[in-house]
Amino acid sequence: MAVGWANDDSVSQQIQNTIDDEISRVRSATSCGESALYCDECGEPIPEARRRAIKGVRFCIQCQQSLEQLTQRQALFNRRASKDSQLR
């Protein structure tokens, strides 16, 4: 049963949109190509073992962790909330 402005399938649409957003984010963050010798963020050398393990790596471990923490915080915010859920 729909309440307010929401459609009957609005919850499943919202869930699917959230999943699609996360898949797009992960695909865009996937590295490809040749690994960098030096971190794009801080300029420190990237260890050879990391470059061999991760194809197309661009950041050192510390900078990668900082980037992932930032994107984790941003991912927790639901940007596609329905009007109905905002009114509650």
PDB file of N, CA and C in Angstrom:
ATOM      1  N   MET A   1       0.841  -1.173   0.000  1.00  0.00           N
ATOM      2  CA  MET A   1       0.000   0.000   0.000  1.00  0.00           C
ATOM      3  C   MET A   1       0.891   1.242   0.000  1.00  0.00           C
ATOM      4  N   ALA A   2       0.565   2.173  -0.887  1.00  0.00           N
ATOM      5  CA  ALA A   2       1.355   3.398  -0.995  1.00  0.00           C
ATOM      6  C   ALA A   2       0.893   4.425   0.029  1.00  0.00           C
ATOM      7  N   VAL A   3       1.851   5.162   0.558  1.00  0.00           N
ATOM      8  CA  VAL A   3       1.561   6.205   1.527  1.00  0.00           C
ATOM      9  C   VAL A   3       2.153   7.502   0.995  1.00  0.00           C
ATOM     10  N   GLY A   4       1.396   8.577   1.018  1.00  0.00           N
ATOM     11  CA  GLY A   4       1.920   9.857   0.559  1.00  0.00           C
ATOM     12  C   GLY A   4       2.208   9.823  -0.925  1.00  0.00           C
ATOM     13  N   TRP A   5       3.416  10.261  -1.324  1.00  0.00           N
ATOM     14  CA  TRP A   5       3.775  10.334  -2.735  1.00  0.00           C
ATOM     15  C   TRP A   5       4.461   9.078  -3.241  1.00  0.00           C
ATOM     16  N   ALA A   6       4.762   8.146  -2.396  1.00  0.00           N
ATOM     17  CA  ALA A   6       5.539   6.971  -2.787  1.00  0.00           C
ATOM     18  C   ALA A   6       4.696   5.985  -3.585  1.00  0.00           C
ATOM     19  N   ASN A   7       5.340   5.352  -4.575  1.00  0.00           N
ATOM     20  CA  ASN A   7       4.694   4.287  -5.331  1.00  0.00           C
ATOM     21  C   ASN A   7       4.688   3.006  -4.506  1.00  0.00           C
ATOM     22  N   ASP A   8       3.945   2.023  -4.965  1.00  0.00           N
ATOM     23  CA  ASP A   8       3.899   0.752  -4.255  1.00  0.00           C
ATOM     24  C   ASP A   8       5.271   0.074  -4.208  1.00  0.00           C
ATOM     25  N   ASP A   9       6.055   0.241  -5.239  1.00  0.00           N
ATOM     26  CA  ASP A   9       7.363  -0.418  -5.278  1.00  0.00           C
ATOM     27  C   ASP A   9       8.512   0.550  -4.989  1.00  0.00           C
ATOM     28  N   SER A  10       8.233   1.641  -4.314  1.00  0.00           N
ATOM     29  CA  SER A  10       9.271   2.661  -4.076  1.00  0.00           C
ATOM     30  C   SER A  10      10.425   2.140  -3.219  1.00  0.00           C
ATOM     31  N   VAL A  11      10.139   1.272  -2.273  1.00  0.00           N
ATOM     32  CA  VAL A  11      11.202   0.731  -1.423  1.00  0.00           C
ATOM     33  C   VAL A  11      12.164  -0.115  -2.245  1.00  0.00           C
ATOM     34  N   SER A  12      11.624  -0.982  -3.092  1.00  0.00           N
ATOM     35  CA  SER A  12      12.501  -1.812  -3.918  1.00  0.00           C
ATOM     36  C   SER A  12      13.256  -0.969  -4.943  1.00  0.00           C
ATOM     37  N   GLN A  13      12.635   0.097  -5.449  1.00  0.00           N
ATOM     38  CA  GLN A  13      13.340   0.996  -6.361  1.00  0.00           C
ATOM     39  C   GLN A  13      14.492   1.703  -5.652  1.00  0.00           C
ATOM     40  N   GLN A  14      14.265   2.127  -4.433  1.00  0.00           N
ATOM     41  CA  GLN A  14      15.296   2.807  -3.660  1.00  0.00           C
ATOM     42  C   GLN A  14      16.457   1.865  -3.372  1.00  0.00           C
ATOM     43  N   ILE A  15      16.156   0.633  -3.019  1.00  0.00           N
ATOM     44  CA  ILE A  15      17.201  -0.360  -2.766  1.00  0.00           C
ATOM     45  C   ILE A  15      17.997  -0.619  -4.040  1.00  0.00           C
ATOM     46  N   GLN A  16      17.301  -0.791  -5.165  1.00  0.00           N
ATOM     47  CA  GLN A  16      17.988  -1.043  -6.435  1.00  0.00           C
ATOM     48  C   GLN A  16      18.850   0.145  -6.842  1.00  0.00           C
ATOM     49  N   ASN A  17      18.370   1.359  -6.641  1.00  0.00           N
ATOM     50  CA  ASN A  17      19.161   2.555  -6.958  1.00  0.00           C
ATOM     51  C   ASN A  17      20.422   2.639  -6.102  1.00  0.00           C
ATOM     52  N   THR A  18      20.303   2.287  -4.834  1.00  0.00           N
ATOM     53  CA  THR A  18      21.454   2.288  -3.941  1.00  0.00           C
ATOM     54  C   THR A  18      22.485   1.263  -4.401  1.00  0.00           C
ATOM     55  N   ILE A  19      22.034   0.094  -4.785  1.00  0.00           N
ATOM     56  CA  ILE A  19      22.926  -0.959  -5.289  1.00  0.00           C
ATOM     57  C   ILE A  19      23.606  -0.507  -6.579  1.00  0.00           C
ATOM     58  N   ASP A  20      22.833   0.069  -7.498  1.00  0.00           N
ATOM     59  CA  ASP A  20      23.391   0.554  -8.762  1.00  0.00           C
ATOM     60  C   ASP A  20      24.443   1.638  -8.538  1.00  0.00           C
ATOM     61  N   ASP A  21      24.174   2.545  -7.595  1.00  0.00           N
ATOM     62  CA  ASP A  21      25.140   3.597  -7.268  1.00  0.00           C
ATOM     63  C   ASP A  21      26.446   3.010  -6.755  1.00  0.00           C
ATOM     64  N   GLU A  22      26.352   2.015  -5.881  1.00  0.00           N
ATOM     65  CA  GLU A  22      27.549   1.404  -5.308  1.00  0.00           C
ATOM     66  C   GLU A  22      28.338   0.637  -6.368  1.00  0.00           C
ATOM     67  N   ILE A  23      27.645  -0.059  -7.262  1.00  0.00           N
ATOM     68  CA  ILE A  23      28.325  -0.777  -8.348  1.00  0.00           C
ATOM     69  C   ILE A  23      29.052   0.206  -9.245  1.00  0.00           C
ATOM     70  N   SER A  24      28.420   1.322  -9.563  1.00  0.00           N
ATOM     71  CA  SER A  24      29.060   2.345 -10.394  1.00  0.00           C
ATOM     72  C   SER A  24      30.284   2.925  -9.700  1.00  0.00           C
ATOM     73  N   ARG A  25      30.183   3.160  -8.390  1.00  0.00           N
ATOM     74  CA  ARG A  25      31.308   3.704  -7.639  1.00  0.00           C
ATOM     75  C   ARG A  25      32.492   2.743  -7.652  1.00  0.00           C
ATOM     76  N   VAL A  26      32.218   1.461  -7.432  1.00  0.00           N
ATOM     77  CA  VAL A  26      33.292   0.463  -7.390  1.00  0.00           C
ATOM     78  C   VAL A  26      33.933   0.311  -8.767  1.00  0.00           C
ATOM     79  N   ARG A  27      33.118   0.288  -9.813  1.00  0.00           N
ATOM     80  CA  ARG A  27      33.668   0.155 -11.165  1.00  0.00           C
ATOM     81  C   ARG A  27      34.557   1.343 -11.524  1.00  0.00           C
ATOM     82  N   SER A  28      34.150   2.534 -11.121  1.00  0.00           N
ATOM     83  CA  SER A  28      34.956   3.711 -11.446  1.00  0.00           C
ATOM     84  C   SER A  28      36.247   3.749 -10.632  1.00  0.00           C
ATOM     85  N   ALA A  29      36.245   3.129  -9.463  1.00  0.00           N
ATOM     86  CA  ALA A  29      37.427   3.124  -8.612  1.00  0.00           C
ATOM     87  C   ALA A  29      38.398   1.992  -8.946  1.00  0.00           C
ATOM     88  N   THR A  30      37.978   1.063  -9.795  1.00  0.00           N
ATOM     89  CA  THR A  30      38.818  -0.077 -10.147  1.00  0.00           C
ATOM     90  C   THR A  30      39.998   0.391 -10.984  1.00  0.00           C
ATOM     91  N   SER A  31      41.168  -0.001 -10.560  1.00  0.00           N
ATOM     92  CA  SER A  31      42.393   0.400 -11.253  1.00  0.00           C
ATOM     93  C   SER A  31      42.615  -0.471 -12.472  1.00  0.00           C
ATOM     94  N   CYS A  32      43.228   0.114 -13.480  1.00  0.00           N
ATOM     95  CA  CYS A  32      43.634  -0.654 -14.649  1.00  0.00           C
ATOM     96  C   CYS A  32      44.856   0.021 -15.246  1.00  0.00           C
ATOM     97  N   GLY A  33      45.566  -0.691 -16.071  1.00  0.00           N
ATOM     98  CA  GLY A  33      46.761  -0.126 -16.676  1.00  0.00           C
ATOM     99  C   GLY A  33      47.995  -0.385 -15.842  1.00  0.00           C
ATOM    100  N   GLU A  34      49.007   0.418 -16.091  1.00  0.00           N
ATOM    101  CA  GLU A  34      50.289   0.249 -15.423  1.00  0.00           C
ATOM    102  C   GLU A  34      50.276   0.918 -14.048  1.00  0.00           C
ATOM    103  N   SER A  35      50.865   0.258 -13.082  1.00  0.00           N
ATOM    104  CA  SER A  35      50.951   0.811 -11.725  1.00  0.00           C
ATOM    105  C   SER A  35      51.945   1.970 -11.689  1.00  0.00           C
ATOM    106  N   ALA A  36      51.667   2.932 -10.837  1.00  0.00           N
ATOM    107  CA  ALA A  36      52.565   4.075 -10.650  1.00  0.00           C
ATOM    108  C   ALA A  36      53.733   3.669  -9.746  1.00  0.00           C
ATOM    109  N   LEU A  37      54.871   4.262  -9.972  1.00  0.00           N
ATOM    110  CA  LEU A  37      56.022   4.016  -9.110  1.00  0.00           C
ATOM    111  C   LEU A  37      55.930   4.837  -7.827  1.00  0.00           C
ATOM    112  N   TYR A  38      55.291   6.003  -7.924  1.00  0.00           N
ATOM    113  CA  TYR A  38      55.148   6.903  -6.783  1.00  0.00           C
ATOM    114  C   TYR A  38      53.675   7.240  -6.577  1.00  0.00           C
ATOM    115  N   CYS A  39      53.298   7.434  -5.340  1.00  0.00           N
ATOM    116  CA  CYS A  39      51.918   7.735  -4.965  1.00  0.00           C
ATOM    117  C   CYS A  39      51.459   9.047  -5.614  1.00  0.00           C
ATOM    118  N   ASP A  40      50.286   9.039  -6.211  1.00  0.00           N
ATOM    119  CA  ASP A  40      49.728  10.241  -6.837  1.00  0.00           C
ATOM    120  C   ASP A  40      49.384  11.312  -5.806  1.00  0.00           C
ATOM    121  N   GLU A  41      49.163  10.918  -4.563  1.00  0.00           N
ATOM    122  CA  GLU A  41      48.749  11.855  -3.522  1.00  0.00           C
ATOM    123  C   GLU A  41      49.933  12.471  -2.776  1.00  0.00           C
ATOM    124  N   CYS A  42      50.823  11.633  -2.266  1.00  0.00           N
ATOM    125  CA  CYS A  42      51.906  12.141  -1.411  1.00  0.00           C
ATOM    126  C   CYS A  42      53.287  12.078  -2.059  1.00  0.00           C
ATOM    127  N   GLY A  43      53.418  11.331  -3.150  1.00  0.00           N
ATOM    128  CA  GLY A  43      54.694  11.249  -3.840  1.00  0.00           C
ATOM    129  C   GLY A  43      55.663  10.215  -3.300  1.00  0.00           C
ATOM    130  N   GLU A  44      55.282   9.484  -2.260  1.00  0.00           N
ATOM    131  CA  GLU A  44      56.147   8.441  -1.694  1.00  0.00           C
ATOM    132  C   GLU A  44      56.202   7.245  -2.652  1.00  0.00           C
ATOM    133  N   PRO A  45      57.325   6.491  -2.654  1.00  0.00           N
ATOM    134  CA  PRO A  45      57.415   5.303  -3.513  1.00  0.00           C
ATOM    135  C   PRO A  45      56.383   4.240  -3.108  1.00  0.00           C
ATOM    136  N   ILE A  46      55.800   3.600  -4.106  1.00  0.00           N
ATOM    137  CA  ILE A  46      54.868   2.495  -3.863  1.00  0.00           C
ATOM    138  C   ILE A  46      55.686   1.214  -3.886  1.00  0.00           C
ATOM    139  N   PRO A  47      55.601   0.397  -2.822  1.00  0.00           N
ATOM    140  CA  PRO A  47      56.398  -0.839  -2.772  1.00  0.00           C
ATOM    141  C   PRO A  47      56.113  -1.758  -3.972  1.00  0.00           C
ATOM    142  N   GLU A  48      57.164  -2.421  -4.433  1.00  0.00           N
ATOM    143  CA  GLU A  48      57.040  -3.304  -5.596  1.00  0.00           C
ATOM    144  C   GLU A  48      56.004  -4.403  -5.365  1.00  0.00           C
ATOM    145  N   ALA A  49      55.965  -4.946  -4.155  1.00  0.00           N
ATOM    146  CA  ALA A  49      54.997  -6.014  -3.861  1.00  0.00           C
ATOM    147  C   ALA A  49      53.559  -5.516  -4.048  1.00  0.00           C
ATOM    148  N   ARG A  50      53.288  -4.280  -3.641  1.00  0.00           N
ATOM    149  CA  ARG A  50      51.939  -3.701  -3.817  1.00  0.00           C
ATOM    150  C   ARG A  50      51.632  -3.497  -5.301  1.00  0.00           C
ATOM    151  N   ARG A  51      52.612  -3.026  -6.064  1.00  0.00           N
ATOM    152  CA  ARG A  51      52.405  -2.809  -7.497  1.00  0.00           C
ATOM    153  C   ARG A  51      52.135  -4.109  -8.234  1.00  0.00           C
ATOM    154  N   ARG A  52      52.796  -5.190  -7.801  1.00  0.00           N
ATOM    155  CA  ARG A  52      52.553  -6.496  -8.438  1.00  0.00           C
ATOM    156  C   ARG A  52      51.209  -7.074  -8.016  1.00  0.00           C
ATOM    157  N   ALA A  53      50.827  -6.839  -6.773  1.00  0.00           N
ATOM    158  CA  ALA A  53      49.584  -7.427  -6.245  1.00  0.00           C
ATOM    159  C   ALA A  53      48.335  -6.747  -6.795  1.00  0.00           C
ATOM    160  N   ILE A  54      48.407  -5.438  -7.035  1.00  0.00           N
ATOM    161  CA  ILE A  54      47.241  -4.671  -7.472  1.00  0.00           C
ATOM    162  C   ILE A  54      47.568  -4.001  -8.797  1.00  0.00           C
ATOM    163  N   LYS A  55      46.933  -4.453  -9.851  1.00  0.00           N
ATOM    164  CA  LYS A  55      47.169  -3.908 -11.177  1.00  0.00           C
ATOM    165  C   LYS A  55      46.672  -2.461 -11.240  1.00  0.00           C
ATOM    166  N   GLY A  56      47.504  -1.564 -11.706  1.00  0.00           N
ATOM    167  CA  GLY A  56      47.114  -0.174 -11.880  1.00  0.00           C
ATOM    168  C   GLY A  56      47.044   0.642 -10.605  1.00  0.00           C
ATOM    169  N   VAL A  57      47.738   0.219  -9.560  1.00  0.00           N
ATOM    170  CA  VAL A  57      47.694   0.934  -8.278  1.00  0.00           C
ATOM    171  C   VAL A  57      48.267   2.346  -8.449  1.00  0.00           C
ATOM    172  N   ARG A  58      47.617   3.345  -7.820  1.00  0.00           N
ATOM    173  CA  ARG A  58      48.026   4.741  -7.961  1.00  0.00           C
ATOM    174  C   ARG A  58      48.411   5.387  -6.637  1.00  0.00           C
ATOM    175  N   PHE A  59      48.084   4.726  -5.511  1.00  0.00           N
ATOM    176  CA  PHE A  59      48.295   5.326  -4.192  1.00  0.00           C
ATOM    177  C   PHE A  59      49.068   4.374  -3.285  1.00  0.00           C
ATOM    178  N   CYS A  60      49.827   4.950  -2.332  1.00  0.00           N
ATOM    179  CA  CYS A  60      50.477   4.140  -1.302  1.00  0.00           C
ATOM    180  C   CYS A  60      49.396   3.647  -0.335  1.00  0.00           C
ATOM    181  N   ILE A  61      49.765   2.773   0.557  1.00  0.00           N
ATOM    182  CA  ILE A  61      48.788   2.166   1.470  1.00  0.00           C
ATOM    183  C   ILE A  61      48.114   3.219   2.348  1.00  0.00           C
ATOM    184  N   GLN A  62      48.879   4.145   2.902  1.00  0.00           N
ATOM    185  CA  GLN A  62      48.315   5.159   3.799  1.00  0.00           C
ATOM    186  C   GLN A  62      47.314   6.057   3.061  1.00  0.00           C
ATOM    187  N   CYS A  63      47.670   6.515   1.883  1.00  0.00           N
ATOM    188  CA  CYS A  63      46.768   7.380   1.114  1.00  0.00           C
ATOM    189  C   CYS A  63      45.530   6.609   0.656  1.00  0.00           C
ATOM    190  N   GLN A  64      45.701   5.340   0.296  1.00  0.00           N
ATOM    191  CA  GLN A  64      44.565   4.517  -0.110  1.00  0.00           C
ATOM    192  C   GLN A  64      43.599   4.330   1.053  1.00  0.00           C
ATOM    193  N   GLN A  65      44.124   4.110   2.257  1.00  0.00           N
ATOM    194  CA  GLN A  65      43.267   3.966   3.433  1.00  0.00           C
ATOM    195  C   GLN A  65      42.490   5.247   3.706  1.00  0.00           C
ATOM    196  N   SER A  66      43.147   6.390   3.593  1.00  0.00           N
ATOM    197  CA  SER A  66      42.481   7.679   3.808  1.00  0.00           C
ATOM    198  C   SER A  66      41.369   7.892   2.786  1.00  0.00           C
ATOM    199  N   LEU A  67      41.643   7.557   1.535  1.00  0.00           N
ATOM    200  CA  LEU A  67      40.651   7.692   0.471  1.00  0.00           C
ATOM    201  C   LEU A  67      39.448   6.790   0.715  1.00  0.00           C
ATOM    202  N   GLU A  68      39.704   5.553   1.128  1.00  0.00           N
ATOM    203  CA  GLU A  68      38.619   4.614   1.394  1.00  0.00           C
ATOM    204  C   GLU A  68      37.777   5.047   2.587  1.00  0.00           C
ATOM    205  N   GLN A  69      38.399   5.607   3.623  1.00  0.00           N
ATOM    206  CA  GLN A  69      37.638   6.104   4.769  1.00  0.00           C
ATOM    207  C   GLN A  69      36.736   7.249   4.356  1.00  0.00           C
ATOM    208  N   LEU A  70      37.221   8.130   3.515  1.00  0.00           N
ATOM    209  CA  LEU A  70      36.428   9.256   3.034  1.00  0.00           C
ATOM    210  C   LEU A  70      35.237   8.778   2.207  1.00  0.00           C
ATOM    211  N   THR A  71      35.477   7.847   1.295  1.00  0.00           N
ATOM    212  CA  THR A  71      34.375   7.341   0.470  1.00  0.00           C
ATOM    213  C   THR A  71      33.396   6.526   1.299  1.00  0.00           C
ATOM    214  N   GLN A  72      33.871   5.865   2.352  1.00  0.00           N
ATOM    215  CA  GLN A  72      32.979   5.108   3.249  1.00  0.00           C
ATOM    216  C   GLN A  72      32.007   6.053   3.938  1.00  0.00           C
ATOM    217  N   ARG A  73      32.510   7.183   4.431  1.00  0.00           N
ATOM    218  CA  ARG A  73      31.642   8.159   5.098  1.00  0.00           C
ATOM    219  C   ARG A  73      30.619   8.735   4.131  1.00  0.00           C
ATOM    220  N   GLN A  74      31.026   8.996   2.900  1.00  0.00           N
ATOM    221  CA  GLN A  74      30.114   9.546   1.914  1.00  0.00           C
ATOM    222  C   GLN A  74      29.068   8.521   1.501  1.00  0.00           C
ATOM    223  N   ALA A  75      29.429   7.251   1.467  1.00  0.00           N
ATOM    224  CA  ALA A  75      28.500   6.205   1.049  1.00  0.00           C
ATOM    225  C   ALA A  75      27.398   5.983   2.074  1.00  0.00           C
ATOM    226  N   LEU A  76      27.622   6.348   3.329  1.00  0.00           N
ATOM    227  CA  LEU A  76      26.611   6.141   4.355  1.00  0.00           C
ATOM    228  C   LEU A  76      25.445   7.116   4.227  1.00  0.00           C
ATOM    229  N   PHE A  77      25.617   8.188   3.463  1.00  0.00           N
ATOM    230  CA  PHE A  77      24.569   9.180   3.276  1.00  0.00           C
ATOM    231  C   PHE A  77      23.693   8.752   2.115  1.00  0.00           C
ATOM    232  N   ASN A  78      22.391   8.607   2.339  1.00  0.00           N
ATOM    233  CA  ASN A  78      21.459   8.170   1.307  1.00  0.00           C
ATOM    234  C   ASN A  78      21.011   9.378   0.490  1.00  0.00           C
ATOM    235  N   ARG A  79      21.568   9.520  -0.700  1.00  0.00           N
ATOM    236  CA  ARG A  79      21.229  10.661  -1.545  1.00  0.00           C
ATOM    237  C   ARG A  79      19.946  10.449  -2.326  1.00  0.00           C
ATOM    238  N   ARG A  80      19.410   9.266  -2.350  1.00  0.00           N
ATOM    239  CA  ARG A  80      18.231   8.975  -3.153  1.00  0.00           C
ATOM    240  C   ARG A  80      16.997   8.688  -2.300  1.00  0.00           C
ATOM    241  N   ALA A  81      16.909   9.255  -1.155  1.00  0.00           N
ATOM    242  CA  ALA A  81      15.766   9.013  -0.280  1.00  0.00           C
ATOM    243  C   ALA A  81      14.488   9.500  -0.944  1.00  0.00           C
ATOM    244  N   SER A  82      13.425   8.764  -0.764  1.00  0.00           N
ATOM    245  CA  SER A  82      12.150   9.157  -1.349  1.00  0.00           C
ATOM    246  C   SER A  82      11.559  10.330  -0.576  1.00  0.00           C
ATOM    247  N   LYS A  83      10.649  11.054  -1.221  1.00  0.00           N
ATOM    248  CA  LYS A  83       9.984  12.168  -0.549  1.00  0.00           C
ATOM    249  C   LYS A  83       9.229  11.677   0.666  1.00  0.00           C
ATOM    250  N   ASP A  84       8.635  10.506   0.550  1.00  0.00           N
ATOM    251  CA  ASP A  84       7.854   9.942   1.650  1.00  0.00           C
ATOM    252  C   ASP A  84       8.726   9.713   2.877  1.00  0.00           C
ATOM    253  N   SER A  85       9.933   9.171   2.678  1.00  0.00           N
ATOM    254  CA  SER A  85      10.800   8.899   3.824  1.00  0.00           C
ATOM    255  C   SER A  85      11.326  10.185   4.433  1.00  0.00           C
ATOM    256  N   GLN A  86      11.435  11.246   3.656  1.00  0.00           N
ATOM    257  CA  GLN A  86      11.900  12.516   4.180  1.00  0.00           C
ATOM    258  C   GLN A  86      10.844  13.209   5.023  1.00  0.00           C
ATOM    259  N   LEU A  87       9.585  12.884   4.797  1.00  0.00           N
ATOM    260  CA  LEU A  87       8.498  13.523   5.546  1.00  0.00           C
ATOM    261  C   LEU A  87       8.250  12.869   6.884  1.00  0.00           C
ATOM    262  N   ARG A  88       8.794  11.690   7.105  1.00  0.00           N
ATOM    263  CA  ARG A  88       8.556  10.988   8.366  1.00  0.00           C
ATOM    264  C   ARG A  88       9.379  11.526   9.480  1.00  0.00           C
TER     265      ARG A  88
END
